[in-house]
Amino acid sequence: MIGPVGRIKSGAAVRAVVGQDYRRAMAAVDPYLLDLADEAATTTLAQRIAVLCRAGDVLALDGDFGTGKTTFARAFIRARCAAAEEVPSPTFTLVQIYPAAEERGAAVYHFDLFRLRTADEAIDLGIEDAFAEGISLIEWPQRLGPLLPPYRLDLGFRFGSTPGSRTLTLSAPGGDFLARLKEAGVV
């Protein structure tokens, strides 16, 4: 069993910490705030979430450069997928697809949408297929605009208060993601 990942705060405490800059989509739900002490804590969290995911799940990874989005995605992919030792960032390819290990079910689609000019370009990448049959990890999800599914897990990565630490905001605008995370003891 993978141990705890960080200190958790909920609801009003999150809104007080994040303040006015908080993304509107995440403000409409009751989010959780996790303090991740280091990269290992980010990796542990990704592994714990990976085993809970199933086909059709969408994880929207938001945050500035260097806040841990790709670190999270790599750990998630390694936990779910067969032969995923090398996990390159899809910065230039825009999407990498990883077949699932047999016991894990759905393939993982890792999107980096930073270079998209319009949301419609994501359709050419096969994002609708990913939403229907795979698990989608999406860096820079705001680039999708109205194409971003309402049933998803939002992960907002921010630099923490100490060197190497990160603050992560978790929210689920729709679906049962938070219930699954609670049931598994992640939040």
C-alpha atoms as a PDB file:
ATOM      1  CA  MET A   1       0.000   0.000   0.000  1.00  0.00           C
ATOM      2  CA  ILE A   2       1.231   3.458  -0.839  1.00  0.00           C
ATOM      3  CA  GLY A   3       1.296   5.829   2.132  1.00  0.00           C
ATOM      4  CA  PRO A   4      -0.119   9.313   2.615  1.00  0.00           C
ATOM      5  CA  VAL A   5       0.856  11.963   0.118  1.00  0.00           C
ATOM      6  CA  GLY A   6       0.535  15.228   1.988  1.00  0.00           C
ATOM      7  CA  ARG A   7      -1.483  17.451   4.273  1.00  0.00           C
ATOM      8  CA  ILE A   8      -5.054  17.987   3.088  1.00  0.00           C
ATOM      9  CA  LYS A   9      -7.273  21.006   3.521  1.00  0.00           C
ATOM     10  CA  SER A  10     -10.800  21.343   2.202  1.00  0.00           C
ATOM     11  CA  GLY A  11     -13.400  23.846   1.040  1.00  0.00           C
ATOM     12  CA  ALA A  12     -13.085  27.362   2.438  1.00  0.00           C
ATOM     13  CA  ALA A  13      -9.453  26.806   3.431  1.00  0.00           C
ATOM     14  CA  VAL A  14      -8.567  26.175  -0.207  1.00  0.00           C
ATOM     15  CA  ARG A  15     -10.414  29.237  -1.437  1.00  0.00           C
ATOM     16  CA  ALA A  16      -8.703  31.365   1.225  1.00  0.00           C
ATOM     17  CA  VAL A  17      -5.242  30.127   0.216  1.00  0.00           C
ATOM     18  CA  VAL A  18      -5.758  30.448  -3.522  1.00  0.00           C
ATOM     19  CA  GLY A  19      -7.786  33.672  -3.404  1.00  0.00           C
ATOM     20  CA  GLN A  20      -9.016  35.655  -6.385  1.00  0.00           C
ATOM     21  CA  ASP A  21      -6.735  33.912  -8.881  1.00  0.00           C
ATOM     22  CA  TYR A  22      -8.571  30.616  -8.475  1.00  0.00           C
ATOM     23  CA  ARG A  23      -9.878  29.121 -11.732  1.00  0.00           C
ATOM     24  CA  ARG A  24     -13.645  29.601 -12.089  1.00  0.00           C
ATOM     25  CA  ALA A  25     -14.300  25.993 -13.010  1.00  0.00           C
ATOM     26  CA  MET A  26     -12.620  24.767  -9.848  1.00  0.00           C
ATOM     27  CA  ALA A  27     -14.281  27.360  -7.602  1.00  0.00           C
ATOM     28  CA  ALA A  28     -17.734  25.925  -8.243  1.00  0.00           C
ATOM     29  CA  VAL A  29     -16.916  22.700  -6.396  1.00  0.00           C
ATOM     30  CA  ASP A  30     -15.541  21.841  -2.980  1.00  0.00           C
ATOM     31  CA  PRO A  31     -11.815  21.356  -3.715  1.00  0.00           C
ATOM     32  CA  TYR A  32      -9.037  19.752  -1.706  1.00  0.00           C
ATOM     33  CA  LEU A  33      -5.616  21.279  -1.180  1.00  0.00           C
ATOM     34  CA  LEU A  34      -2.654  18.934  -0.798  1.00  0.00           C
ATOM     35  CA  ASP A  35       0.802  20.030   0.279  1.00  0.00           C
ATOM     36  CA  LEU A  36       3.283  17.759  -1.501  1.00  0.00           C
ATOM     37  CA  ALA A  37       6.672  17.872   0.237  1.00  0.00           C
ATOM     38  CA  ASP A  38       8.748  16.769  -2.745  1.00  0.00           C
ATOM     39  CA  GLU A  39       8.791  15.001  -6.108  1.00  0.00           C
ATOM     40  CA  ALA A  40       8.399  11.624  -4.391  1.00  0.00           C
ATOM     41  CA  ALA A  41       5.083  12.776  -2.898  1.00  0.00           C
ATOM     42  CA  THR A  42       3.884  13.838  -6.359  1.00  0.00           C
ATOM     43  CA  THR A  43       4.905  10.430  -7.725  1.00  0.00           C
ATOM     44  CA  THR A  44       3.115   8.603  -4.908  1.00  0.00           C
ATOM     45  CA  LEU A  45      -0.078  10.570  -5.471  1.00  0.00           C
ATOM     46  CA  ALA A  46       0.020   9.854  -9.218  1.00  0.00           C
ATOM     47  CA  GLN A  47       0.450   6.125  -8.554  1.00  0.00           C
ATOM     48  CA  ARG A  48      -2.474   6.078  -6.130  1.00  0.00           C
ATOM     49  CA  ILE A  49      -4.764   7.915  -8.542  1.00  0.00           C
ATOM     50  CA  ALA A  50      -3.651   5.774 -11.520  1.00  0.00           C
ATOM     51  CA  VAL A  51      -4.977   2.543 -10.041  1.00  0.00           C
ATOM     52  CA  LEU A  52      -8.406   4.153  -9.515  1.00  0.00           C
ATOM     53  CA  CYS A  53      -8.889   5.320 -13.106  1.00  0.00           C
ATOM     54  CA  ARG A  54     -10.910   3.664 -15.842  1.00  0.00           C
ATOM     55  CA  ALA A  55     -11.831   4.205 -19.493  1.00  0.00           C
ATOM     56  CA  GLY A  56     -13.423   7.602 -20.069  1.00  0.00           C
ATOM     57  CA  ASP A  57     -11.648   9.335 -17.179  1.00  0.00           C
ATOM     58  CA  VAL A  58     -10.130  12.748 -17.880  1.00  0.00           C
ATOM     59  CA  LEU A  59      -7.474  14.356 -15.685  1.00  0.00           C
ATOM     60  CA  ALA A  60      -6.857  18.045 -16.384  1.00  0.00           C
ATOM     61  CA  LEU A  61      -3.334  19.010 -15.245  1.00  0.00           C
ATOM     62  CA  ASP A  62      -3.019  22.764 -14.805  1.00  0.00           C
ATOM     63  CA  GLY A  63      -0.063  24.829 -13.615  1.00  0.00           C
ATOM     64  CA  ASP A  64       2.906  26.904 -14.657  1.00  0.00           C
ATOM     65  CA  PHE A  65       6.045  25.428 -16.226  1.00  0.00           C
ATOM     66  CA  GLY A  66       7.975  23.299 -13.741  1.00  0.00           C
ATOM     67  CA  THR A  67       5.194  22.811 -11.199  1.00  0.00           C
ATOM     68  CA  GLY A  68       4.968  19.032 -11.598  1.00  0.00           C
ATOM     69  CA  LYS A  69       2.433  18.304 -14.343  1.00  0.00           C
ATOM     70  CA  THR A  70       4.788  16.123 -16.383  1.00  0.00           C
ATOM     71  CA  THR A  71       6.247  14.487 -13.256  1.00  0.00           C
ATOM     72  CA  PHE A  72       2.720  13.505 -12.234  1.00  0.00           C
ATOM     73  CA  ALA A  73       1.886  12.268 -15.756  1.00  0.00           C
ATOM     74  CA  ARG A  74       5.044  10.131 -16.002  1.00  0.00           C
ATOM     75  CA  ALA A  75       4.406   8.450 -12.646  1.00  0.00           C
ATOM     76  CA  PHE A  76       0.749   7.882 -13.563  1.00  0.00           C
ATOM     77  CA  ILE A  77       1.694   6.313 -16.924  1.00  0.00           C
ATOM     78  CA  ARG A  78       4.369   4.077 -15.384  1.00  0.00           C
ATOM     79  CA  ALA A  79       1.845   2.853 -12.794  1.00  0.00           C
ATOM     80  CA  ARG A  80      -0.780   1.955 -15.422  1.00  0.00           C
ATOM     81  CA  CYS A  81       0.954   0.983 -18.620  1.00  0.00           C
ATOM     82  CA  ALA A  82       2.983  -1.893 -19.965  1.00  0.00           C
ATOM     83  CA  ALA A  83       6.516  -1.073 -21.125  1.00  0.00           C
ATOM     84  CA  ALA A  84       6.326   2.572 -20.103  1.00  0.00           C
ATOM     85  CA  GLU A  85       9.860   2.959 -18.796  1.00  0.00           C
ATOM     86  CA  GLU A  86      10.618   5.860 -21.094  1.00  0.00           C
ATOM     87  CA  VAL A  87       7.854   8.457 -20.937  1.00  0.00           C
ATOM     88  CA  PRO A  88       8.751  11.494 -23.047  1.00  0.00           C
ATOM     89  CA  SER A  89       6.847  14.728 -22.674  1.00  0.00           C
ATOM     90  CA  PRO A  90       4.481  15.234 -25.623  1.00  0.00           C
ATOM     91  CA  THR A  91       5.516  18.893 -25.918  1.00  0.00           C
ATOM     92  CA  PHE A  92       6.289  18.593 -29.637  1.00  0.00           C
ATOM     93  CA  THR A  93       4.235  15.537 -30.605  1.00  0.00           C
ATOM     94  CA  LEU A  94       1.204  16.945 -28.700  1.00  0.00           C
ATOM     95  CA  VAL A  95       0.009  13.447 -27.765  1.00  0.00           C
ATOM     96  CA  GLN A  96       1.624  10.177 -26.685  1.00  0.00           C
ATOM     97  CA  ILE A  97      -0.479   7.023 -26.407  1.00  0.00           C
ATOM     98  CA  TYR A  98       0.482   4.246 -23.986  1.00  0.00           C
ATOM     99  CA  PRO A  99      -1.180   0.824 -24.156  1.00  0.00           C
ATOM    100  CA  ALA A 100      -2.404  -0.374 -20.792  1.00  0.00           C
ATOM    101  CA  ALA A 101      -0.996  -3.330 -18.964  1.00  0.00           C
ATOM    102  CA  GLU A 102      -3.562  -6.131 -19.402  1.00  0.00           C
ATOM    103  CA  GLU A 103      -4.791  -5.965 -15.817  1.00  0.00           C
ATOM    104  CA  ARG A 104      -5.291  -2.181 -16.041  1.00  0.00           C
ATOM    105  CA  GLY A 105      -7.717  -1.939 -18.983  1.00  0.00           C
ATOM    106  CA  ALA A 106      -7.725   1.348 -20.894  1.00  0.00           C
ATOM    107  CA  ALA A 107      -4.837   2.979 -22.751  1.00  0.00           C
ATOM    108  CA  VAL A 108      -3.516   6.312 -21.467  1.00  0.00           C
ATOM    109  CA  TYR A 109      -3.489   9.325 -23.786  1.00  0.00           C
ATOM    110  CA  HIS A 110      -1.056  12.017 -22.609  1.00  0.00           C
ATOM    111  CA  PHE A 111      -1.762  15.382 -24.228  1.00  0.00           C
ATOM    112  CA  ASP A 112       0.357  18.532 -23.977  1.00  0.00           C
ATOM    113  CA  LEU A 113      -1.788  21.254 -25.531  1.00  0.00           C
ATOM    114  CA  PHE A 114       0.501  24.225 -24.894  1.00  0.00           C
ATOM    115  CA  ARG A 115       1.247  24.661 -28.605  1.00  0.00           C
ATOM    116  CA  LEU A 116      -2.386  24.500 -29.792  1.00  0.00           C
ATOM    117  CA  ARG A 117      -3.681  27.665 -31.399  1.00  0.00           C
ATOM    118  CA  THR A 118      -7.365  26.663 -31.295  1.00  0.00           C
ATOM    119  CA  ALA A 119      -9.401  24.080 -29.413  1.00  0.00           C
ATOM    120  CA  ASP A 120     -10.483  22.526 -32.714  1.00  0.00           C
ATOM    121  CA  GLU A 121      -6.889  21.388 -33.338  1.00  0.00           C
ATOM    122  CA  ALA A 122      -7.353  18.906 -30.486  1.00  0.00           C
ATOM    123  CA  ILE A 123      -9.952  17.045 -32.539  1.00  0.00           C
ATOM    124  CA  ASP A 124      -7.261  16.285 -35.133  1.00  0.00           C
ATOM    125  CA  LEU A 125      -5.189  14.729 -32.335  1.00  0.00           C
ATOM    126  CA  GLY A 126      -7.938  12.185 -31.603  1.00  0.00           C
ATOM    127  CA  ILE A 127      -8.989  13.711 -28.314  1.00  0.00           C
ATOM    128  CA  GLU A 128     -12.608  12.628 -28.760  1.00  0.00           C
ATOM    129  CA  ASP A 129     -11.492   8.994 -29.125  1.00  0.00           C
ATOM    130  CA  ALA A 130      -9.367   9.369 -26.009  1.00  0.00           C
ATOM    131  CA  PHE A 131     -12.351  10.709 -24.068  1.00  0.00           C
ATOM    132  CA  ALA A 132     -14.494   7.776 -25.200  1.00  0.00           C
ATOM    133  CA  GLU A 133     -12.162   4.808 -24.822  1.00  0.00           C
ATOM    134  CA  GLY A 134      -9.032   5.786 -22.924  1.00  0.00           C
ATOM    135  CA  ILE A 135      -7.805   7.671 -19.898  1.00  0.00           C
ATOM    136  CA  SER A 136      -6.786  11.224 -20.789  1.00  0.00           C
ATOM    137  CA  LEU A 137      -4.035  13.178 -19.054  1.00  0.00           C
ATOM    138  CA  ILE A 138      -4.206  16.732 -20.376  1.00  0.00           C
ATOM    139  CA  GLU A 139      -1.536  19.339 -19.713  1.00  0.00           C
ATOM    140  CA  TRP A 140      -2.689  22.897 -20.454  1.00  0.00           C
ATOM    141  CA  PRO A 141      -6.389  21.862 -20.412  1.00  0.00           C
ATOM    142  CA  GLN A 142      -7.618  25.457 -20.697  1.00  0.00           C
ATOM    143  CA  ARG A 143      -6.597  25.280 -24.389  1.00  0.00           C
ATOM    144  CA  LEU A 144      -9.592  22.990 -24.961  1.00  0.00           C
ATOM    145  CA  GLY A 145     -12.134  25.618 -23.988  1.00  0.00           C
ATOM    146  CA  PRO A 146     -15.645  24.151 -24.367  1.00  0.00           C
ATOM    147  CA  LEU A 147     -14.257  20.790 -25.553  1.00  0.00           C
ATOM    148  CA  LEU A 148     -13.030  20.007 -22.020  1.00  0.00           C
ATOM    149  CA  PRO A 149     -15.480  17.449 -20.597  1.00  0.00           C
ATOM    150  CA  PRO A 150     -17.392  18.521 -17.489  1.00  0.00           C
ATOM    151  CA  TYR A 151     -16.821  15.126 -15.857  1.00  0.00           C
ATOM    152  CA  ARG A 152     -13.139  15.205 -14.977  1.00  0.00           C
ATOM    153  CA  LEU A 153     -10.584  15.533 -12.205  1.00  0.00           C
ATOM    154  CA  ASP A 154      -8.879  18.938 -12.115  1.00  0.00           C
ATOM    155  CA  LEU A 155      -5.374  19.003 -10.664  1.00  0.00           C
ATOM    156  CA  GLY A 156      -3.950  22.490 -10.153  1.00  0.00           C
ATOM    157  CA  PHE A 157      -0.186  22.421  -9.529  1.00  0.00           C
ATOM    158  CA  ARG A 158       1.536  25.391  -7.844  1.00  0.00           C
ATOM    159  CA  PHE A 159       4.979  25.947  -6.347  1.00  0.00           C
ATOM    160  CA  GLY A 160       4.953  25.227  -2.613  1.00  0.00           C
ATOM    161  CA  SER A 161       6.280  27.282   0.260  1.00  0.00           C
ATOM    162  CA  THR A 162       9.568  25.365   0.571  1.00  0.00           C
ATOM    163  CA  PRO A 163      12.121  24.397  -2.113  1.00  0.00           C
ATOM    164  CA  GLY A 164      10.943  21.344  -4.056  1.00  0.00           C
ATOM    165  CA  SER A 165       7.475  21.338  -2.543  1.00  0.00           C
ATOM    166  CA  ARG A 166       4.234  21.751  -4.457  1.00  0.00           C
ATOM    167  CA  THR A 167       0.687  22.696  -3.580  1.00  0.00           C
ATOM    168  CA  LEU A 168      -1.968  20.754  -5.456  1.00  0.00           C
ATOM    169  CA  THR A 169      -5.632  21.648  -5.707  1.00  0.00           C
ATOM    170  CA  LEU A 170      -7.922  18.709  -6.510  1.00  0.00           C
ATOM    171  CA  SER A 171     -11.501  19.194  -7.628  1.00  0.00           C
ATOM    172  CA  ALA A 172     -14.028  17.267  -9.675  1.00  0.00           C
ATOM    173  CA  PRO A 173     -16.636  19.429 -11.405  1.00  0.00           C
ATOM    174  CA  GLY A 174     -18.656  16.352 -12.331  1.00  0.00           C
ATOM    175  CA  GLY A 175     -18.699  12.603 -12.006  1.00  0.00           C
ATOM    176  CA  ASP A 176     -17.572  10.405  -9.146  1.00  0.00           C
ATOM    177  CA  PHE A 177     -13.847  11.134  -9.034  1.00  0.00           C
ATOM    178  CA  LEU A 178     -13.801  12.600  -5.526  1.00  0.00           C
ATOM    179  CA  ALA A 179     -15.912   9.721  -4.213  1.00  0.00           C
ATOM    180  CA  ARG A 180     -13.383   7.241  -5.632  1.00  0.00           C
ATOM    181  CA  LEU A 181     -10.480   9.208  -4.136  1.00  0.00           C
ATOM    182  CA  LYS A 182     -12.204   9.361  -0.737  1.00  0.00           C
ATOM    183  CA  GLU A 183     -13.085   5.669  -0.782  1.00  0.00           C
ATOM    184  CA  ALA A 184      -9.445   4.797  -1.520  1.00  0.00           C
ATOM    185  CA  GLY A 185      -8.167   7.121   1.221  1.00  0.00           C
ATOM    186  CA  VAL A 186      -6.390   9.474  -1.184  1.00  0.00           C
ATOM    187  CA  VAL A 187      -8.272  12.538   0.130  1.00  0.00           C
END
